[in-house]
Amino acid sequence: MKKIFSPVWMRMCLVLVVAGFLGGCDALSGKTKIKISSWGDLNENSILVSEIADFEKLHPDIDVELERTPFNEYVTKLLTQISGGVAPDVIFCEVSLFGDFYYRHALEPLNTYMAADNFSLSDYYPQVIDRFTMDKQLYVIPRDTSPIGVIFYNKDAFDEAKVPYPTDDWNWNDFVAAAQKVMIKNEDGSVKRWGFVDDWAMSDNWVYGAGGSFVDDAKHPTKWTFATDPNTLKGIQFRADLINKYKVMMPPTGNVAMGGLGNSDIFKNGMSAMFLSGYWKVPNFREITKFKWDIVMQPQSPEGHRGFPTGGSGYGILSSSTHKQAAWELIKYLSGVEGAKKMAATGLAVPVLMSVAKSPIFLDNQPPDNKKMILDAVQYSVYNPLCVNWTEVHDGMMGPELDRVWNGTDTPEEAMEKIKPLLDKNPPAFQ
């Protein structure tokens, strides 16, 4: 007997075949497939991969694909994907990148989702929640916070120089005095061990530490104040003095003399007694076997000012996503207690959930001993201006002029005179 296929049955087969081509196994299995975009090194991404696997076990109806993009390409690629209609559902968003997505209306407000699930923010550091909130709407659930005011110091170097270990209440004068004593020169005058290096040209730390500013209002900036704020000038002058007056800090070309090593490696190899960066260096420095080390808060100014820039990141849903509920379930998990515990155990980032940050999971028995410092430092965090041209102005306009200060070509006052007209022509932008 011949098998007769009815037109209805043939149409159903065609639908299934097309669905298979368009959606793969997920379309046939009934799973919802979502994509998340992130950056990070192999260590950080391995944690995220593990978290996604655990999430999929809890949500067998959701399939998650991770798309990794290098940080320096991240915003450009995502904005291109958004305009092309091929963007992911969930993005990893850093505090300084928030404006790039918020002002382009790319992020989904999350208040409705939180209300439906009774999702509480009471355990999150309020400073980070505020950063990701605009007009009373939260757009990113934070995962971590990261005050960039950590001085790593070589305890053996301080012991050799018979200098007491620094404490969190020290000031700039204490810092310079210690750096001078722990620095070592060779017989020919070359430097064997610097008193201090920073991770990059971290002028913001000393600007904020002096009570200075870049704009009139970081969250709603209307004008640049960098070139006219006298406290900003003090901060720039102090960093320049570390290099050119006190000569305790490695100059811009110094790593060439140190064999071309990166600044963190200079500290790691014992060629600098102190190093300024963020807490994310901890997993790397736990590999140090040549000397003992610890951390201390960046010193306050002689006038008692204390402040430093901050990192921090979280997960948001793109408004273009067609699977927003599944995306919400994912970010709720990644930024929730389980995700925070996994991240805390690595020492890579400071959990944004206060209960986890203050727990033995983070405050463990591994170095550094003074890790509680980073929790106290959150209150002194200063967020960079929330505008879309911050990086362009900060790196492209201020940066080259400040480089001339660091190498001794210009004074801070001369640099400010050159920077001011550039800032006047390029006010904070929002699109």
Protein backbone atom coordinates (compact mmCIF):
# COMPACT_ATOMS: atom_id res chain seq x y z
CA MET A 1 0.00 0.00 0.00
CA LYS A 2 1.22 3.44 -0.91
CA LYS A 3 1.77 5.91 1.91
CA ILE A 4 -0.12 9.09 1.19
CA PHE A 5 1.19 12.37 2.68
CA SER A 6 -1.52 14.96 3.11
CA PRO A 7 -0.82 18.64 2.31
CA VAL A 8 -1.30 19.44 6.01
CA TRP A 9 1.28 16.86 7.07
CA MET A 10 3.71 18.08 4.43
CA ARG A 11 3.35 21.66 5.66
CA MET A 12 4.03 20.52 9.24
CA CYS A 13 7.18 18.73 8.11
CA LEU A 14 8.33 21.82 6.25
CA VAL A 15 7.83 23.96 9.36
CA LEU A 16 9.89 21.54 11.44
CA VAL A 17 12.69 21.45 8.88
CA VAL A 18 12.83 25.25 8.64
CA ALA A 19 12.78 25.51 12.43
CA GLY A 20 15.65 23.06 12.58
CA PHE A 21 17.71 25.15 10.16
CA LEU A 22 16.95 28.42 11.94
CA GLY A 23 17.17 27.34 15.55
CA GLY A 24 19.17 24.13 15.52
CA CYS A 25 18.41 21.58 18.19
CA ASP A 26 17.07 24.25 20.51
CA ALA A 27 14.13 25.02 18.23
CA LEU A 28 13.24 21.33 18.04
CA SER A 29 13.81 20.64 21.74
CA GLY A 30 11.76 23.59 22.94
CA LYS A 31 14.71 25.22 24.72
CA THR A 32 15.15 28.97 24.87
CA LYS A 33 18.59 29.92 23.60
CA ILE A 34 20.17 33.13 24.90
CA LYS A 35 23.57 34.68 24.36
CA ILE A 36 25.73 36.52 26.88
CA SER A 37 28.65 38.77 25.96
CA SER A 38 31.63 39.29 28.24
CA TRP A 39 35.36 39.93 28.35
CA GLY A 40 38.03 38.79 30.84
CA ASP A 41 41.14 36.65 31.00
CA LEU A 42 41.08 32.85 30.92
CA ASN A 43 40.76 32.59 34.70
CA GLU A 44 37.75 34.89 34.89
CA ASN A 45 36.05 33.32 31.90
CA SER A 46 36.52 29.81 33.31
CA ILE A 47 34.56 30.96 36.36
CA LEU A 48 31.78 32.33 34.17
CA VAL A 49 31.67 29.13 32.12
CA SER A 50 31.29 27.14 35.34
CA GLU A 51 28.52 29.44 36.57
CA ILE A 52 26.67 29.11 33.27
CA ALA A 53 26.88 25.31 33.47
CA ASP A 54 25.40 25.37 36.96
CA PHE A 55 22.66 27.74 35.80
CA GLU A 56 21.73 25.44 32.92
CA LYS A 57 21.36 22.53 35.36
CA LEU A 58 18.89 24.59 37.35
CA HIS A 59 17.15 25.80 34.17
CA PRO A 60 17.21 22.88 31.70
CA ASP A 61 14.84 24.81 29.43
CA ILE A 62 17.44 27.56 28.83
CA ASP A 63 20.56 27.19 26.70
CA VAL A 64 23.26 29.84 27.24
CA GLU A 65 25.99 30.72 24.75
CA LEU A 66 28.99 32.75 25.93
CA GLU A 67 30.53 35.22 23.48
CA ARG A 68 33.88 36.61 24.61
CA THR A 69 35.27 39.87 23.19
CA PRO A 70 38.55 41.58 24.16
CA PHE A 71 37.91 44.57 26.42
CA ASN A 72 39.34 47.15 24.01
CA GLU A 73 36.89 45.99 21.31
CA TYR A 74 33.93 45.35 23.57
CA VAL A 75 31.83 48.50 23.31
CA THR A 76 32.44 48.99 19.59
CA LYS A 77 31.48 45.42 18.75
CA LEU A 78 28.35 45.47 20.90
CA LEU A 79 27.11 48.76 19.48
CA THR A 80 27.67 47.38 15.96
CA GLN A 81 25.72 44.22 16.86
CA ILE A 82 22.91 46.27 18.37
CA SER A 83 22.56 48.43 15.26
CA GLY A 84 22.70 45.31 13.08
CA GLY A 85 20.02 43.47 15.03
CA VAL A 86 22.32 40.60 16.04
CA ALA A 87 23.15 41.62 19.61
CA PRO A 88 23.31 39.20 22.56
CA ASP A 89 20.61 39.07 25.22
CA VAL A 90 22.82 39.75 28.25
CA ILE A 91 25.94 41.90 28.53
CA PHE A 92 28.64 42.23 31.14
CA CYS A 93 28.85 45.95 31.95
CA GLU A 94 31.61 47.82 33.81
CA VAL A 95 30.79 50.99 35.74
CA SER A 96 32.73 53.21 33.32
CA LEU A 97 30.97 51.65 30.31
CA PHE A 98 27.46 52.08 31.66
CA GLY A 99 26.93 55.44 29.96
CA ASP A 100 27.85 53.99 26.56
CA PHE A 101 24.82 51.72 26.73
CA TYR A 102 22.41 53.73 28.87
CA TYR A 103 22.51 56.90 26.78
CA ARG A 104 21.96 54.85 23.62
CA HIS A 105 18.81 53.31 25.17
CA ALA A 106 20.34 49.86 24.77
CA LEU A 107 19.56 48.55 28.27
CA GLU A 108 16.31 47.13 29.63
CA PRO A 109 15.10 48.66 32.94
CA LEU A 110 14.94 45.94 35.58
CA ASN A 111 12.55 47.27 38.24
CA THR A 112 9.55 45.36 36.89
CA TYR A 113 11.45 42.07 36.91
CA MET A 114 12.72 42.69 40.45
CA ALA A 115 9.25 43.52 41.71
CA ALA A 116 7.75 40.38 40.18
CA ASP A 117 10.36 38.20 41.94
CA ASN A 118 10.60 40.22 45.18
CA PHE A 119 14.27 40.63 44.33
CA SER A 120 15.87 42.61 47.17
CA LEU A 121 18.82 44.99 46.84
CA SER A 122 19.32 45.44 50.58
CA ASP A 123 22.49 43.30 50.68
CA TYR A 124 24.22 45.08 47.78
CA TYR A 125 26.71 47.90 48.32
CA PRO A 126 24.50 50.95 47.74
CA GLN A 127 27.25 52.89 45.94
CA VAL A 128 27.29 50.39 43.05
CA ILE A 129 23.50 50.17 42.91
CA ASP A 130 23.37 53.95 42.62
CA ARG A 131 25.90 53.94 39.76
CA PHE A 132 23.70 51.64 37.68
CA THR A 133 20.48 53.51 38.53
CA MET A 134 19.08 56.37 36.44
CA ASP A 135 15.73 58.07 37.04
CA LYS A 136 14.94 55.51 39.76
CA GLN A 137 15.35 52.60 37.33
CA LEU A 138 18.10 50.00 37.81
CA TYR A 139 19.66 48.81 34.55
CA VAL A 140 22.45 46.49 35.70
CA ILE A 141 22.54 44.01 38.59
CA PRO A 142 26.07 44.42 39.97
CA ARG A 143 28.36 41.44 40.45
CA ASP A 144 31.39 43.05 42.09
CA THR A 145 32.93 46.31 43.20
CA SER A 146 36.58 47.24 43.01
CA PRO A 147 37.99 50.37 44.65
CA ILE A 148 41.26 51.06 42.80
CA GLY A 149 43.15 52.28 45.82
CA VAL A 150 45.22 49.25 46.87
CA ILE A 151 48.91 49.66 47.70
CA PHE A 152 50.60 46.26 47.57
CA TYR A 153 53.83 46.30 49.55
CA ASN A 154 56.82 44.00 49.93
CA LYS A 155 57.04 43.19 53.64
CA ASP A 156 60.60 41.88 53.29
CA ALA A 157 61.71 45.19 51.75
CA PHE A 158 60.24 47.09 54.69
CA ASP A 159 61.90 44.68 57.14
CA GLU A 160 65.29 45.10 55.46
CA ALA A 161 64.98 48.90 55.62
CA LYS A 162 63.70 48.71 59.21
CA VAL A 163 60.60 50.66 58.19
CA PRO A 164 57.32 49.92 60.00
CA TYR A 165 54.62 48.44 57.80
CA PRO A 166 52.18 51.10 56.54
CA THR A 167 48.73 51.36 58.07
CA ASP A 168 45.46 52.47 56.52
CA ASP A 169 45.59 55.84 58.27
CA TRP A 170 48.89 56.95 56.69
CA ASN A 171 49.22 60.07 54.52
CA TRP A 172 51.20 61.27 51.51
CA ASN A 173 54.13 62.39 53.66
CA ASP A 174 54.35 58.96 55.32
CA PHE A 175 54.16 57.36 51.89
CA VAL A 176 57.05 59.41 50.44
CA ALA A 177 59.21 58.84 53.52
CA ALA A 178 58.67 55.08 53.33
CA ALA A 179 59.31 54.98 49.57
CA GLN A 180 62.63 56.80 50.02
CA LYS A 181 63.80 54.33 52.65
CA VAL A 182 62.82 51.10 50.89
CA MET A 183 64.28 52.16 47.54
CA ILE A 184 67.68 50.67 46.64
CA LYS A 185 70.24 51.95 44.12
CA ASN A 186 73.22 50.14 42.63
CA GLU A 187 76.75 51.49 42.99
CA ASP A 188 76.54 53.12 39.56
CA GLY A 189 73.43 55.06 40.58
CA SER A 190 70.98 52.90 38.66
CA VAL A 191 67.90 51.67 40.48
CA LYS A 192 67.85 48.15 41.82
CA ARG A 193 64.52 48.47 43.57
CA TRP A 194 62.07 51.34 43.13
CA GLY A 195 60.18 52.71 46.07
CA PHE A 196 56.92 52.68 44.11
CA VAL A 197 55.34 51.89 40.75
CA ASP A 198 51.72 52.07 39.65
CA ASP A 199 49.89 49.75 37.28
CA TRP A 200 49.50 52.46 34.64
CA ALA A 201 49.70 56.28 34.69
CA MET A 202 47.15 56.48 37.52
CA SER A 203 46.73 60.23 37.85
CA ASP A 204 43.05 59.86 38.84
CA ASN A 205 44.07 58.33 42.17
CA TRP A 206 45.99 61.41 43.25
CA VAL A 207 43.39 63.80 41.80
CA TYR A 208 40.60 62.18 43.80
CA GLY A 209 42.95 61.73 46.74
CA ALA A 210 43.56 65.48 46.83
CA GLY A 211 39.83 66.19 46.78
CA GLY A 212 39.99 67.18 43.11
CA SER A 213 37.47 66.54 40.35
CA PHE A 214 36.99 66.06 36.62
CA VAL A 215 33.41 67.34 36.34
CA ASP A 216 30.88 69.30 38.35
CA ASP A 217 28.66 66.24 38.95
CA ALA A 218 29.90 62.73 38.13
CA LYS A 219 26.43 61.26 37.58
CA HIS A 220 24.98 64.24 35.71
CA PRO A 221 28.00 66.12 34.38
CA THR A 222 27.47 69.47 32.66
CA LYS A 223 31.05 70.78 32.48
CA TRP A 224 34.66 69.72 33.00
CA THR A 225 36.34 71.08 36.12
CA PHE A 226 39.66 69.28 35.73
CA ALA A 227 41.71 72.22 34.46
CA THR A 228 40.30 74.74 36.96
CA ASP A 229 40.04 72.78 40.23
CA PRO A 230 42.99 73.71 42.51
CA ASN A 231 42.80 70.36 44.30
CA THR A 232 43.10 68.58 40.97
CA LEU A 233 46.31 70.51 40.37
CA LYS A 234 47.63 69.37 43.77
CA GLY A 235 47.04 65.74 42.85
CA ILE A 236 48.79 66.08 39.49
CA GLN A 237 51.68 67.89 41.15
CA PHE A 238 52.10 65.15 43.74
CA ARG A 239 52.34 62.35 41.17
CA ALA A 240 54.81 64.42 39.15
CA ASP A 241 56.89 64.99 42.31
CA LEU A 242 57.04 61.27 43.00
CA ILE A 243 58.81 60.90 39.65
CA ASN A 244 60.81 64.10 39.18
CA LYS A 245 61.37 65.56 42.66
CA TYR A 246 61.53 62.66 45.11
CA LYS A 247 62.57 60.21 42.37
CA VAL A 248 61.04 57.27 44.22
CA MET A 249 58.65 56.34 41.44
CA MET A 250 59.62 54.71 38.20
CA PRO A 251 59.38 57.22 35.31
CA PRO A 252 57.44 56.42 32.11
CA THR A 253 60.52 54.90 30.46
CA GLY A 254 61.68 53.05 33.55
CA ASN A 255 60.38 49.62 32.61
CA VAL A 256 62.81 49.58 29.68
CA ALA A 257 65.67 49.64 32.20
CA MET A 258 63.89 46.87 34.09
CA GLY A 259 64.02 44.58 31.07
CA GLY A 260 60.72 45.61 29.53
CA LEU A 261 58.63 44.01 32.26
CA GLY A 262 55.10 45.14 32.95
CA ASN A 263 54.70 47.17 36.13
CA SER A 264 52.95 44.40 38.05
CA ASP A 265 55.80 42.04 37.15
CA ILE A 266 58.29 44.60 38.42
CA PHE A 267 56.64 44.35 41.83
CA LYS A 268 56.20 40.59 41.56
CA ASN A 269 59.92 40.17 40.85
CA GLY A 270 60.94 42.30 43.84
CA MET A 271 62.10 45.30 41.81
CA SER A 272 59.65 47.70 43.46
CA ALA A 273 58.73 47.83 47.13
CA MET A 274 55.22 49.20 46.54
CA PHE A 275 52.67 48.92 43.76
CA LEU A 276 49.32 50.65 43.22
CA SER A 277 46.45 48.87 41.47
CA GLY A 278 43.15 47.11 42.17
CA TYR A 279 42.33 44.04 44.20
CA TRP A 280 42.12 41.93 41.04
CA LYS A 281 45.93 41.51 41.20
CA VAL A 282 45.60 39.27 44.26
CA PRO A 283 45.35 35.88 42.46
CA ASN A 284 48.47 36.73 40.45
CA PHE A 285 50.44 37.91 43.47
CA ARG A 286 49.52 34.80 45.45
CA GLU A 287 52.03 33.07 43.20
CA ILE A 288 54.89 35.10 44.77
CA THR A 289 57.37 32.94 46.67
CA LYS A 290 60.38 35.31 46.86
CA PHE A 291 58.95 37.57 49.56
CA LYS A 292 55.99 38.18 51.83
CA TRP A 293 53.51 40.90 50.90
CA ASP A 294 50.35 42.59 52.09
CA ILE A 295 48.07 45.47 51.14
CA VAL A 296 47.22 48.84 52.60
CA MET A 297 44.83 51.60 51.59
CA GLN A 298 46.18 54.35 49.34
CA PRO A 299 47.34 57.16 51.64
CA GLN A 300 45.20 60.21 52.33
CA SER A 301 46.42 63.71 51.54
CA PRO A 302 48.04 65.83 54.29
CA GLU A 303 44.74 67.74 54.46
CA GLY A 304 42.84 64.52 55.18
CA HIS A 305 41.28 63.95 51.75
CA ARG A 306 40.83 60.37 50.64
CA GLY A 307 39.38 59.11 47.39
CA PHE A 308 40.22 56.88 44.46
CA PRO A 309 38.56 55.68 41.28
CA THR A 310 36.65 52.45 41.32
CA GLY A 311 35.87 49.59 39.04
CA GLY A 312 32.94 47.26 39.41
CA SER A 313 30.69 45.42 37.01
CA GLY A 314 27.47 43.53 36.59
CA TYR A 315 25.00 42.09 34.11
CA GLY A 316 22.27 43.82 32.15
CA ILE A 317 19.66 42.82 29.58
CA LEU A 318 19.72 44.50 26.18
CA SER A 319 16.40 46.06 25.26
CA SER A 320 16.65 44.36 21.87
CA SER A 321 16.53 40.87 23.43
CA THR A 322 13.58 38.69 22.42
CA HIS A 323 14.08 36.42 25.45
CA LYS A 324 14.06 38.91 28.29
CA GLN A 325 12.56 36.62 30.94
CA ALA A 326 15.21 33.96 30.34
CA ALA A 327 17.85 36.69 30.33
CA TRP A 328 16.53 37.95 33.66
CA GLU A 329 16.81 34.46 35.17
CA LEU A 330 20.46 34.35 34.06
CA ILE A 331 21.54 37.72 35.41
CA LYS A 332 19.63 37.09 38.64
CA TYR A 333 21.70 33.93 39.13
CA LEU A 334 25.08 35.36 38.07
CA SER A 335 24.72 38.41 40.32
CA GLY A 336 23.09 36.54 43.18
CA VAL A 337 24.46 34.70 46.17
CA GLU A 338 25.76 31.62 44.36
CA GLY A 339 27.55 33.64 41.72
CA ALA A 340 29.01 35.94 44.37
CA LYS A 341 30.34 33.01 46.42
CA LYS A 342 32.11 31.50 43.42
CA MET A 343 33.73 34.80 42.51
CA ALA A 344 34.69 35.54 46.13
CA ALA A 345 36.50 32.23 46.50
CA THR A 346 38.88 33.12 43.66
CA GLY A 347 40.06 36.40 45.23
CA LEU A 348 39.65 37.98 41.80
CA ALA A 349 36.98 40.53 42.70
CA VAL A 350 35.27 42.03 45.71
CA PRO A 351 31.71 40.67 46.00
CA VAL A 352 29.06 43.35 45.80
CA LEU A 353 26.86 41.40 48.22
CA MET A 354 27.96 42.67 51.63
CA SER A 355 27.14 39.41 53.42
CA VAL A 356 29.44 37.48 51.07
CA ALA A 357 32.17 40.13 51.14
CA LYS A 358 32.26 39.97 54.95
CA SER A 359 32.13 36.18 55.09
CA PRO A 360 35.02 33.70 55.47
CA ILE A 361 34.64 32.87 51.78
CA PHE A 362 36.24 36.21 50.93
CA LEU A 363 37.99 37.00 54.22
CA ASP A 364 39.89 33.72 54.06
CA ASN A 365 43.31 32.70 55.40
CA GLN A 366 45.15 33.37 52.15
CA PRO A 367 47.21 36.51 51.48
CA PRO A 368 46.72 39.41 51.85
CA ASP A 369 46.25 39.61 55.61
CA ASN A 370 44.68 43.08 55.43
CA LYS A 371 42.02 42.18 52.85
CA LYS A 372 39.35 43.77 55.04
CA MET A 373 40.87 47.06 53.88
CA ILE A 374 39.21 46.74 50.50
CA LEU A 375 35.77 46.59 52.16
CA ASP A 376 36.49 49.75 54.12
CA ALA A 377 37.73 51.40 50.92
CA VAL A 378 34.32 51.20 49.21
CA GLN A 379 33.15 54.33 51.05
CA TYR A 380 35.97 56.36 49.46
CA SER A 381 35.25 55.26 45.90
CA VAL A 382 34.70 58.01 43.32
CA TYR A 383 32.99 57.07 40.05
CA ASN A 384 34.22 58.54 36.80
CA PRO A 385 31.93 60.94 34.90
CA LEU A 386 28.90 59.26 33.34
CA CYS A 387 29.10 60.42 29.73
CA VAL A 388 29.88 58.75 26.43
CA ASN A 389 33.02 60.79 25.67
CA TRP A 390 34.82 60.20 28.99
CA THR A 391 37.45 57.87 27.52
CA GLU A 392 37.97 60.08 24.49
CA VAL A 393 38.56 63.16 26.65
CA HIS A 394 40.44 61.47 29.49
CA ASP A 395 42.80 59.35 27.39
CA GLY A 396 42.90 61.24 24.11
CA MET A 397 42.99 64.86 25.30
CA MET A 398 44.22 64.91 28.89
CA GLY A 399 46.54 61.93 28.60
CA PRO A 400 49.11 63.25 26.09
CA GLU A 401 49.45 66.56 27.93
CA LEU A 402 49.89 64.83 31.28
CA ASP A 403 52.54 62.57 29.76
CA ARG A 404 54.63 65.70 29.28
CA VAL A 405 54.26 66.40 33.01
CA TRP A 406 55.37 62.89 34.00
CA ASN A 407 58.48 63.08 31.83
CA GLY A 408 59.34 66.55 33.17
CA THR A 409 58.81 68.48 29.93
CA ASP A 410 55.88 70.58 31.23
CA THR A 411 54.77 71.72 34.66
CA PRO A 412 51.25 70.80 35.82
CA GLU A 413 50.23 74.45 35.36
CA GLU A 414 51.44 74.44 31.75
CA ALA A 415 49.56 71.22 31.08
CA MET A 416 46.34 72.66 32.49
CA GLU A 417 46.64 75.70 30.24
CA LYS A 418 46.80 73.41 27.21
CA ILE A 419 44.06 71.07 28.41
CA LYS A 420 41.46 73.73 29.28
CA PRO A 421 40.65 74.87 25.71
CA LEU A 422 40.35 71.23 24.63
CA LEU A 423 37.81 70.59 27.37
CA ASP A 424 35.91 73.78 26.60
CA LYS A 425 35.46 72.62 23.00
CA ASN A 426 34.37 69.12 24.06
CA PRO A 427 31.84 69.28 26.93
CA PRO A 428 30.44 66.07 28.43
CA ALA A 429 28.41 64.28 25.73
CA PHE A 430 25.53 61.86 26.01
CA GLN A 431 25.10 60.44 22.53
